[in-house]
């Protein structure tokens, strides 16, 4: 998820949010965070769901690097 917060936040001190929050963009007015959950649950017997999440997770760095202001 991408969250937008008013003001400036640093990568070392993002807003306190469960899960992982990475500052990916800052403007004069807002800070944008790439957020991932603290816990992902699925039926461990369902390999399809597990594989799909792992495929998505492998794209996190690519996604973060390609966020820009428009």
Protein backbone atom coordinates (compact mmCIF):
# COMPACT_ATOMS: atom_id res chain seq x y z
CA UNK A 1 0.00 0.00 0.00
CA UNK A 2 1.10 3.59 -0.59
CA UNK A 3 0.20 6.02 2.21
CA UNK A 4 0.38 9.79 2.09
CA UNK A 5 1.07 11.83 5.23
CA UNK A 6 1.12 15.59 5.63
CA UNK A 7 4.50 17.08 6.38
CA UNK A 8 7.98 15.64 6.23
CA UNK A 9 9.10 12.39 7.79
CA UNK A 10 12.53 10.84 7.70
CA UNK A 11 13.32 7.27 6.71
CA UNK A 12 14.67 6.77 10.25
CA UNK A 13 11.51 8.13 11.89
CA UNK A 14 8.44 7.33 9.81
CA UNK A 15 5.02 7.48 11.48
CA UNK A 16 4.52 4.56 13.84
CA UNK A 17 2.57 2.01 11.85
CA UNK A 18 2.35 -1.75 12.21
CA UNK A 19 4.37 -3.52 9.54
CA UNK A 20 7.13 -2.07 7.43
CA UNK A 21 7.05 1.55 6.25
CA UNK A 22 9.58 2.96 3.80
CA UNK A 23 9.70 6.61 2.76
CA UNK A 24 9.59 6.51 -1.05
CA UNK A 25 8.80 10.11 -1.97
CA UNK A 26 8.66 13.52 -0.34
CA UNK A 27 7.23 16.74 -1.68
CA UNK A 28 7.07 20.13 -0.02
CA UNK A 29 3.73 19.18 1.54
CA UNK A 30 3.63 15.38 1.88
CA UNK A 31 5.57 12.23 2.59
CA UNK A 32 4.66 9.02 0.76
CA UNK A 33 5.30 5.68 2.39
CA UNK A 34 5.40 2.20 0.85
CA UNK A 35 3.79 -0.04 3.45
CA UNK A 36 3.75 -3.79 3.80
CA UNK A 37 1.79 -5.77 6.38
CA UNK A 38 3.23 -6.96 9.66
CA UNK A 39 1.54 -10.30 9.15
CA UNK A 40 0.30 -12.10 6.06
CA UNK A 41 -1.98 -15.05 6.59
CA UNK A 42 -3.09 -17.70 4.15
CA UNK A 43 -3.80 -21.38 4.13
CA UNK A 44 -0.32 -22.89 4.19
CA UNK A 45 -1.68 -25.90 2.34
CA UNK A 46 -2.59 -23.65 -0.59
CA UNK A 47 0.67 -23.38 -2.53
CA UNK A 48 -0.91 -21.11 -5.14
CA UNK A 49 -1.59 -18.33 -2.63
CA UNK A 50 1.84 -18.72 -1.08
CA UNK A 51 3.55 -18.58 -4.47
CA UNK A 52 1.53 -15.51 -5.53
CA UNK A 53 2.46 -13.58 -2.41
CA UNK A 54 6.12 -14.49 -2.76
CA UNK A 55 6.05 -13.30 -6.38
CA UNK A 56 4.55 -9.99 -5.25
CA UNK A 57 7.07 -9.66 -2.43
CA UNK A 58 9.93 -10.09 -4.92
CA UNK A 59 8.68 -6.96 -6.70
CA UNK A 60 8.69 -4.67 -3.65
CA UNK A 61 12.10 -3.09 -4.37
CA UNK A 62 11.18 -2.50 -8.02
CA UNK A 63 7.91 -0.87 -6.99
CA UNK A 64 9.59 1.39 -4.43
CA UNK A 65 12.20 2.56 -6.93
CA UNK A 66 9.56 3.49 -9.52
CA UNK A 67 7.31 5.72 -7.43
CA UNK A 68 7.44 9.32 -8.58
CA UNK A 69 5.42 12.50 -8.32
CA UNK A 70 3.28 13.30 -11.36
